[in-house]
């Protein structure tokens, strides 16, 4: 065994959707990997691929009593298992995990920022508060800072979160060979899926993947689609994801549910066949208010989808205006509807944009390269091998 690594995140869904490839590659490379997060029901599904999972309650919001309990539980786990590296993810879990690791005397604390918690949609006061937490947690609780977003990386370097040689632009990626590869599709699966969801070859399919909540821009998307679908009856909108019962703004939940009832909107809920759904899709839409470097856009690009996304951190690193899609301003129903209308009025450009999207994904968002960077870092931390970011 090369060493013991603890991966920390808030919930098991993050393990399933984001961290599993890194865990599998780490174990294959000779590390023993453990995971600490909240079991929301996926532990039994994950245990065959991801052994050594520890159910520790970690809230995804600031709650002093609960947060302190999480730190204590993580501290006890770290002291008992004597991890060489603690690698943390997702904002609150990352902060609590780093505090516990520092108190436990862990030698190597690594934080992957999938997207800094502060963002442009916050008030100045709120932005400054979370910016300060991120900066000083990096400075005093973090040995290596890994940034998926290039904008986050540049900010961290400019504002000296930690030493530049301990800061890495990690990027994000998907499996472009075996999973998100149009050349690997099973024709029977696609045919069955077409019949299941009720679309045909003449339809122009827009797809949204994510939580169906206000901050993902779902209300603007549904209102925009209502405008354009009356003009283009062959336009269909696939919604993939869930509407949380615990969402605090129940008014927005009710509004979203009402808007989903319109014609040509197809709600699919949670799915495991994302690559096949994206193979059917023509245009992927993510009108989110804030993101890190969204994996969903990369998946769509890899499957030859043209992209419509908001002009925010992360998304503007993935979308080249007019080449593989369009960028629109946050919360703008008009700009979103205009972009969708552009696609529908010039359908010949959709295919070209989709092909260009795949080219960009292959060049910039290859999961194999992202995993390699992290494994090289782990090797360096354990054995002092030369490392170049």
Protein backbone atom coordinates (compact mmCIF):
# COMPACT_ATOMS: atom_id res chain seq x y z
CA UNK A 1 0.00 0.00 0.00
CA UNK A 2 1.34 3.42 -0.99
CA UNK A 3 -0.64 5.32 1.63
CA UNK A 4 -4.09 6.01 3.06
CA UNK A 5 -6.29 8.75 1.63
CA UNK A 6 -9.54 10.08 3.08
CA UNK A 7 -11.91 11.72 0.60
CA UNK A 8 -14.40 14.05 2.34
CA UNK A 9 -17.60 15.47 0.83
CA UNK A 10 -21.10 16.27 2.06
CA UNK A 11 -23.23 13.48 0.59
CA UNK A 12 -22.89 10.12 -1.14
CA UNK A 13 -24.37 11.49 -4.39
CA UNK A 14 -21.14 13.48 -4.86
CA UNK A 15 -19.18 10.25 -4.53
CA UNK A 16 -21.38 8.52 -7.07
CA UNK A 17 -21.46 11.33 -9.64
CA UNK A 18 -18.06 13.02 -9.22
CA UNK A 19 -15.49 11.25 -7.07
CA UNK A 20 -15.82 7.58 -7.98
CA UNK A 21 -13.35 7.67 -10.92
CA UNK A 22 -10.66 9.23 -8.71
CA UNK A 23 -11.29 6.72 -5.94
CA UNK A 24 -11.12 3.77 -8.34
CA UNK A 25 -7.91 5.03 -9.96
CA UNK A 26 -6.33 5.75 -6.56
CA UNK A 27 -7.09 2.23 -5.36
CA UNK A 28 -5.83 0.75 -8.62
CA UNK A 29 -2.59 2.70 -8.20
CA UNK A 30 -1.96 1.19 -4.78
CA UNK A 31 -3.51 3.68 -2.39
CA UNK A 32 -6.10 2.70 0.19
CA UNK A 33 -8.96 5.17 -0.16
CA UNK A 34 -11.64 5.88 2.42
CA UNK A 35 -14.65 8.17 2.08
CA UNK A 36 -16.44 10.24 4.74
CA UNK A 37 -19.85 11.69 3.88
CA UNK A 38 -23.54 11.48 4.72
CA UNK A 39 -25.34 8.31 3.65
CA UNK A 40 -28.50 9.47 1.88
CA UNK A 41 -29.25 5.95 0.66
CA UNK A 42 -26.47 5.26 -1.84
CA UNK A 43 -23.93 3.52 0.42
CA UNK A 44 -25.35 0.09 -0.40
CA UNK A 45 -25.08 0.82 -4.14
CA UNK A 46 -21.55 2.19 -3.88
CA UNK A 47 -19.96 -0.30 -1.50
CA UNK A 48 -18.97 -2.83 -4.19
CA UNK A 49 -16.91 -0.22 -6.06
CA UNK A 50 -16.07 2.08 -3.17
CA UNK A 51 -15.14 0.18 0.00
CA UNK A 52 -14.28 1.91 3.28
CA UNK A 53 -17.18 4.37 3.33
CA UNK A 54 -17.86 6.10 6.64
CA UNK A 55 -21.29 7.57 7.34
CA UNK A 56 -20.68 10.93 8.96
CA UNK A 57 -23.44 13.51 9.07
CA UNK A 58 -22.28 16.65 7.24
CA UNK A 59 -24.80 19.44 6.69
CA UNK A 60 -24.54 21.46 3.48
CA UNK A 61 -25.23 24.71 5.32
CA UNK A 62 -23.76 26.63 8.23
CA UNK A 63 -25.23 25.19 11.44
CA UNK A 64 -22.86 25.67 14.37
CA UNK A 65 -23.99 22.74 16.52
CA UNK A 66 -24.19 20.28 13.62
CA UNK A 67 -20.92 21.54 12.10
CA UNK A 68 -19.04 21.05 15.38
CA UNK A 69 -20.42 17.51 15.68
CA UNK A 70 -19.18 16.80 12.14
CA UNK A 71 -15.71 18.10 12.99
CA UNK A 72 -15.56 15.90 16.08
CA UNK A 73 -16.67 12.80 14.13
CA UNK A 74 -14.17 13.49 11.35
CA UNK A 75 -11.40 14.14 13.88
CA UNK A 76 -12.05 10.79 15.61
CA UNK A 77 -12.08 8.95 12.26
CA UNK A 78 -8.84 10.59 11.11
CA UNK A 79 -7.06 9.87 14.40
CA UNK A 80 -8.23 6.24 14.35
CA UNK A 81 -7.33 5.49 10.74
CA UNK A 82 -4.13 7.61 10.59
CA UNK A 83 -4.58 8.94 7.05
CA UNK A 84 -1.59 10.23 5.12
CA UNK A 85 -3.68 12.55 2.93
CA UNK A 86 -7.07 14.14 3.54
CA UNK A 87 -8.66 15.39 0.30
CA UNK A 88 -11.77 17.54 0.74
CA UNK A 89 -14.58 18.60 -1.61
CA UNK A 90 -17.79 20.69 -1.60
CA UNK A 91 -17.75 23.97 0.36
CA UNK A 92 -19.02 23.19 3.88
CA UNK A 93 -17.61 19.65 3.99
CA UNK A 94 -14.28 20.99 2.73
CA UNK A 95 -14.08 23.55 5.52
CA UNK A 96 -15.10 21.11 8.28
CA UNK A 97 -12.82 18.40 6.89
CA UNK A 98 -9.83 20.72 6.85
CA UNK A 99 -10.43 21.88 10.42
CA UNK A 100 -10.66 18.25 11.60
CA UNK A 101 -7.58 17.23 9.60
CA UNK A 102 -5.53 20.15 10.94
CA UNK A 103 -6.54 19.37 14.52
CA UNK A 104 -5.67 15.71 13.96
CA UNK A 105 -2.19 16.62 12.68
CA UNK A 106 -2.61 15.33 9.11
CA UNK A 107 0.53 16.07 7.13
CA UNK A 108 -1.09 16.61 3.71
CA UNK A 109 -4.42 18.43 3.37
CA UNK A 110 -5.68 18.85 -0.20
CA UNK A 111 -8.73 20.93 -1.17
CA UNK A 112 -10.36 20.69 -4.58
CA UNK A 113 -12.53 23.76 -5.14
CA UNK A 114 -15.16 22.62 -7.64
CA UNK A 115 -16.23 26.27 -7.57
CA UNK A 116 -15.53 28.83 -4.87
CA UNK A 117 -18.60 29.39 -2.68
CA UNK A 118 -18.61 33.16 -3.23
CA UNK A 119 -20.04 34.32 -6.56
CA UNK A 120 -21.29 37.37 -8.45
CA UNK A 121 -24.94 36.78 -7.55
CA UNK A 122 -24.21 37.60 -3.88
CA UNK A 123 -24.46 40.98 -2.20
CA UNK A 124 -21.11 42.71 -1.59
CA UNK A 125 -21.33 41.94 2.12
CA UNK A 126 -22.15 38.27 1.58
CA UNK A 127 -19.47 37.95 -1.12
CA UNK A 128 -16.81 39.45 1.16
CA UNK A 129 -17.82 37.16 4.04
CA UNK A 130 -17.48 33.93 2.05
CA UNK A 131 -14.45 35.20 0.12
CA UNK A 132 -12.69 35.80 3.45
CA UNK A 133 -13.56 32.31 4.72
CA UNK A 134 -12.30 30.69 1.49
CA UNK A 135 -9.08 32.73 1.47
CA UNK A 136 -8.09 32.18 5.08
CA UNK A 137 -9.15 28.53 5.11
CA UNK A 138 -6.83 28.10 2.13
CA UNK A 139 -4.02 30.02 3.81
CA UNK A 140 -4.12 28.33 7.21
CA UNK A 141 -5.82 24.94 6.70
CA UNK A 142 -4.70 23.83 3.23
CA UNK A 143 -1.43 22.43 1.90
CA UNK A 144 -2.49 22.08 -1.73
CA UNK A 145 -5.26 24.00 -3.49
CA UNK A 146 -6.73 22.45 -6.65
CA UNK A 147 -9.06 24.61 -8.76
CA UNK A 148 -11.37 23.30 -11.45
CA UNK A 149 -12.24 26.72 -12.81
CA UNK A 150 -9.49 28.71 -14.51
CA UNK A 151 -11.09 31.92 -13.20
CA UNK A 152 -10.89 30.59 -9.64
CA UNK A 153 -7.27 29.60 -10.25
CA UNK A 154 -6.33 33.06 -11.53
CA UNK A 155 -8.11 34.70 -8.59
CA UNK A 156 -6.36 32.44 -6.06
CA UNK A 157 -2.98 33.27 -7.60
CA UNK A 158 -3.66 37.02 -7.82
CA UNK A 159 -4.96 37.26 -4.25
CA UNK A 160 -2.32 34.87 -2.87
CA UNK A 161 -4.64 32.35 -1.24
CA UNK A 162 -1.62 30.08 -0.75
CA UNK A 163 1.80 29.83 -2.41
CA UNK A 164 1.63 29.68 -6.18
CA UNK A 165 3.62 26.45 -6.33
CA UNK A 166 0.98 24.80 -4.11
CA UNK A 167 -1.88 25.93 -6.38
CA UNK A 168 -2.95 23.78 -9.34
CA UNK A 169 -5.40 24.42 -12.16
CA UNK A 170 -7.03 20.99 -12.19
CA UNK A 171 -9.88 21.55 -14.68
CA UNK A 172 -12.70 18.99 -14.96
CA UNK A 173 -13.42 16.14 -17.32
CA UNK A 174 -15.44 13.08 -18.29
CA UNK A 175 -14.68 9.68 -19.76
CA UNK A 176 -14.45 10.58 -23.46
CA UNK A 177 -13.58 7.06 -24.61
CA UNK A 178 -15.90 4.50 -23.04
CA UNK A 179 -18.89 6.51 -21.81
CA UNK A 180 -19.36 9.94 -23.39
CA UNK A 181 -18.39 8.91 -26.89
CA UNK A 182 -20.88 9.09 -29.79
CA UNK A 183 -18.97 6.29 -31.53
CA UNK A 184 -19.74 3.86 -28.67
CA UNK A 185 -23.52 4.14 -28.72
CA UNK A 186 -25.77 1.09 -28.80
CA UNK A 187 -28.36 1.64 -31.55
CA UNK A 188 -30.94 -0.55 -29.83
CA UNK A 189 -30.61 1.44 -26.60
CA UNK A 190 -31.14 4.70 -28.49
CA UNK A 191 -34.12 3.30 -30.39
CA UNK A 192 -35.75 2.07 -27.18
CA UNK A 193 -35.09 5.40 -25.49
CA UNK A 194 -36.62 7.33 -28.37
CA UNK A 195 -39.79 5.29 -28.03
CA UNK A 196 -39.81 5.57 -24.23
CA UNK A 197 -39.71 9.36 -24.06
CA UNK A 198 -41.80 9.98 -27.18
CA UNK A 199 -39.57 11.93 -29.53
CA UNK A 200 -38.82 11.48 -33.23
CA UNK A 201 -36.10 12.42 -35.72
CA UNK A 202 -37.89 15.65 -36.73
CA UNK A 203 -37.83 17.03 -33.19
CA UNK A 204 -35.23 19.52 -32.02
CA UNK A 205 -34.43 18.45 -28.49
CA UNK A 206 -33.25 20.79 -25.75
CA UNK A 207 -31.98 19.12 -22.57
CA UNK A 208 -31.46 20.35 -19.02
CA UNK A 209 -29.67 18.22 -16.41
CA UNK A 210 -29.49 19.32 -12.79
CA UNK A 211 -31.49 20.08 -9.68
CA UNK A 212 -34.81 21.67 -10.59
CA UNK A 213 -34.34 24.71 -8.36
CA UNK A 214 -34.45 28.45 -8.92
CA UNK A 215 -30.67 28.97 -8.78
CA UNK A 216 -30.21 26.63 -11.74
CA UNK A 217 -32.29 29.01 -13.88
CA UNK A 218 -35.06 26.47 -14.35
CA UNK A 219 -37.84 29.07 -14.10
CA UNK A 220 -36.27 31.22 -16.81
CA UNK A 221 -35.75 28.13 -18.96
CA UNK A 222 -39.36 26.99 -18.68
CA UNK A 223 -40.71 30.48 -19.37
CA UNK A 224 -38.39 30.88 -22.38
CA UNK A 225 -39.36 27.49 -23.74
CA UNK A 226 -43.04 28.35 -23.42
CA UNK A 227 -42.41 31.34 -25.68
CA UNK A 228 -40.52 29.49 -28.41
CA UNK A 229 -42.41 26.18 -28.41
CA UNK A 230 -45.61 27.87 -29.57
CA UNK A 231 -43.70 28.97 -32.67
CA UNK A 232 -41.80 25.70 -33.10
CA UNK A 233 -44.04 22.73 -32.19
CA UNK A 234 -41.21 20.30 -33.00
CA UNK A 235 -39.14 21.71 -30.10
CA UNK A 236 -38.97 19.40 -27.06
CA UNK A 237 -37.42 20.03 -23.65
CA UNK A 238 -36.09 17.14 -21.57
CA UNK A 239 -35.71 17.82 -17.85
CA UNK A 240 -33.37 15.41 -16.08
CA UNK A 241 -33.02 15.75 -12.32
CA UNK A 242 -35.06 16.08 -9.17
CA UNK A 243 -37.14 18.70 -7.43
CA UNK A 244 -36.11 18.54 -3.75
CA UNK A 245 -38.95 18.44 -1.25
CA UNK A 246 -36.74 20.28 1.23
CA UNK A 247 -36.11 23.31 -0.98
CA UNK A 248 -36.63 26.33 1.28
CA UNK A 249 -38.47 28.46 -1.27
CA UNK A 250 -41.69 26.48 -1.60
CA UNK A 251 -43.17 29.25 -3.74
CA UNK A 252 -40.58 28.63 -6.44
CA UNK A 253 -41.15 24.87 -6.24
CA UNK A 254 -44.84 25.34 -6.93
CA UNK A 255 -44.07 27.74 -9.79
CA UNK A 256 -41.63 25.27 -11.32
CA UNK A 257 -44.16 22.44 -11.08
CA UNK A 258 -46.80 24.55 -12.82
CA UNK A 259 -44.45 25.56 -15.63
CA UNK A 260 -43.44 21.93 -16.14
CA UNK A 261 -47.02 21.09 -17.12
CA UNK A 262 -46.71 22.84 -20.50
CA UNK A 263 -46.75 20.96 -23.80
CA UNK A 264 -43.51 19.41 -25.09
CA UNK A 265 -41.78 19.46 -21.69
CA UNK A 266 -40.75 15.92 -20.76
CA UNK A 267 -39.79 15.37 -17.12
CA UNK A 268 -37.55 12.32 -16.69
CA UNK A 269 -36.39 12.64 -13.07
CA UNK A 270 -33.08 11.08 -12.04
CA UNK A 271 -31.46 8.90 -14.71
CA UNK A 272 -28.39 6.69 -15.04
CA UNK A 273 -28.38 6.75 -18.87
CA UNK A 274 -27.21 10.35 -19.27
CA UNK A 275 -24.91 9.54 -22.21
CA UNK A 276 -27.83 8.05 -24.17
CA UNK A 277 -30.14 10.95 -23.37
CA UNK A 278 -27.47 13.39 -24.55
CA UNK A 279 -27.06 11.34 -27.71
CA UNK A 280 -30.72 12.07 -28.49
CA UNK A 281 -30.35 15.72 -27.53
CA UNK A 282 -29.43 18.50 -29.94
CA UNK A 283 -28.88 21.43 -27.58
CA UNK A 284 -27.94 21.42 -23.92
CA UNK A 285 -29.16 24.34 -21.81
CA UNK A 286 -27.80 25.39 -18.41
CA UNK A 287 -29.07 28.86 -17.40
CA UNK A 288 -27.61 28.59 -13.88
CA UNK A 289 -26.93 31.60 -11.65
CA UNK A 290 -23.60 30.21 -10.43
CA UNK A 291 -21.36 27.23 -11.19
CA UNK A 292 -17.84 25.97 -10.72
CA UNK A 293 -16.89 24.21 -13.95
CA UNK A 294 -20.08 22.25 -14.67
CA UNK A 295 -19.59 18.62 -15.55
CA UNK A 296 -23.01 18.48 -17.18
CA UNK A 297 -21.89 20.86 -19.93
CA UNK A 298 -18.78 18.77 -20.55
CA UNK A 299 -20.89 15.62 -20.85
CA UNK A 300 -23.16 17.37 -23.35
CA UNK A 301 -20.23 18.74 -25.36
CA UNK A 302 -18.71 15.27 -25.53
CA UNK A 303 -21.97 13.95 -27.00
CA UNK A 304 -22.06 16.54 -29.82
CA UNK A 305 -24.56 18.94 -28.22
CA UNK A 306 -24.56 22.63 -29.00
CA UNK A 307 -24.66 24.61 -25.73
CA UNK A 308 -26.67 27.51 -24.34
CA UNK A 309 -25.39 28.65 -20.95
CA UNK A 310 -25.21 31.70 -18.75
CA UNK A 311 -22.24 34.03 -18.97
CA UNK A 312 -20.82 33.08 -15.57
CA UNK A 313 -17.64 31.61 -14.12
CA UNK A 314 -17.05 28.12 -15.45
CA UNK A 315 -19.60 28.19 -18.26
CA UNK A 316 -17.70 30.86 -20.18
CA UNK A 317 -14.62 28.62 -20.04
CA UNK A 318 -16.60 25.93 -21.85
CA UNK A 319 -18.67 27.88 -24.37
CA UNK A 320 -16.98 29.78 -27.18
CA UNK A 321 -19.62 32.25 -28.37
CA UNK A 322 -20.82 31.35 -31.85
CA UNK A 323 -18.53 28.29 -32.12
CA UNK A 324 -20.10 25.65 -29.90
CA UNK A 325 -23.01 27.64 -28.55
CA UNK A 326 -24.27 30.89 -27.05
CA UNK A 327 -23.83 32.65 -23.72
CA UNK A 328 -26.71 34.60 -22.16
CA UNK A 329 -26.99 36.82 -19.12
CA UNK A 330 -28.25 35.37 -15.84
CA UNK A 331 -31.99 35.59 -15.18
CA UNK A 332 -32.74 36.95 -18.66
CA UNK A 333 -35.79 35.21 -20.12
CA UNK A 334 -35.47 37.31 -23.26
CA UNK A 335 -31.81 36.44 -23.97
CA UNK A 336 -32.46 32.77 -23.29
CA UNK A 337 -35.49 32.72 -25.59
CA UNK A 338 -33.50 34.58 -28.27
CA UNK A 339 -30.69 32.02 -28.10
CA UNK A 340 -33.13 29.11 -28.37
CA UNK A 341 -34.84 30.85 -31.26
CA UNK A 342 -31.48 31.29 -33.04
CA UNK A 343 -30.92 27.55 -32.81
CA UNK A 344 -34.38 26.69 -34.09
CA UNK A 345 -34.34 29.19 -36.94
CA UNK A 346 -30.97 27.96 -38.24
CA UNK A 347 -30.96 24.25 -37.49
CA UNK A 348 -28.01 23.62 -39.81
CA UNK A 349 -25.72 25.36 -37.32
CA UNK A 350 -26.70 23.00 -34.49
CA UNK A 351 -24.78 20.04 -35.91
CA UNK A 352 -21.67 22.13 -36.62
CA UNK A 353 -21.72 23.59 -33.12
CA UNK A 354 -22.14 20.10 -31.67
CA UNK A 355 -19.14 18.76 -33.58
CA UNK A 356 -17.08 21.75 -32.43
CA UNK A 357 -18.22 21.14 -28.86
CA UNK A 358 -16.86 17.58 -29.01
CA UNK A 359 -13.51 18.89 -30.30
CA UNK A 360 -13.25 21.35 -27.41
CA UNK A 361 -14.16 18.66 -24.88
CA UNK A 362 -11.46 16.33 -26.20
CA UNK A 363 -8.88 19.11 -26.10
CA UNK A 364 -9.72 20.65 -22.71
CA UNK A 365 -11.86 18.31 -20.61
CA UNK A 366 -10.36 14.83 -20.67
CA UNK A 367 -11.03 13.02 -17.39
CA UNK A 368 -7.91 10.88 -17.81
CA UNK A 369 -5.69 13.99 -17.65
CA UNK A 370 -7.54 15.35 -14.61
CA UNK A 371 -7.14 12.04 -12.77
CA UNK A 372 -3.48 11.82 -13.73
CA UNK A 373 -2.73 15.24 -12.20
CA UNK A 374 -4.23 14.17 -8.88
CA UNK A 375 -2.49 10.80 -8.79
CA UNK A 376 0.86 12.42 -9.57
CA UNK A 377 0.25 14.82 -6.69
CA UNK A 378 -0.57 11.95 -4.31
CA UNK A 379 2.64 10.20 -5.38
CA UNK A 380 4.63 13.37 -4.78
CA UNK A 381 3.17 13.83 -1.32
CA UNK A 382 3.99 10.26 -0.34
CA UNK A 383 7.33 9.79 -2.06
CA UNK A 384 8.60 13.25 -2.96
CA UNK A 385 8.58 12.66 -6.72
CA UNK A 386 8.97 15.68 -8.99
CA UNK A 387 5.67 17.27 -9.79
CA UNK A 388 4.75 19.89 -12.35
CA UNK A 389 1.32 21.52 -12.29
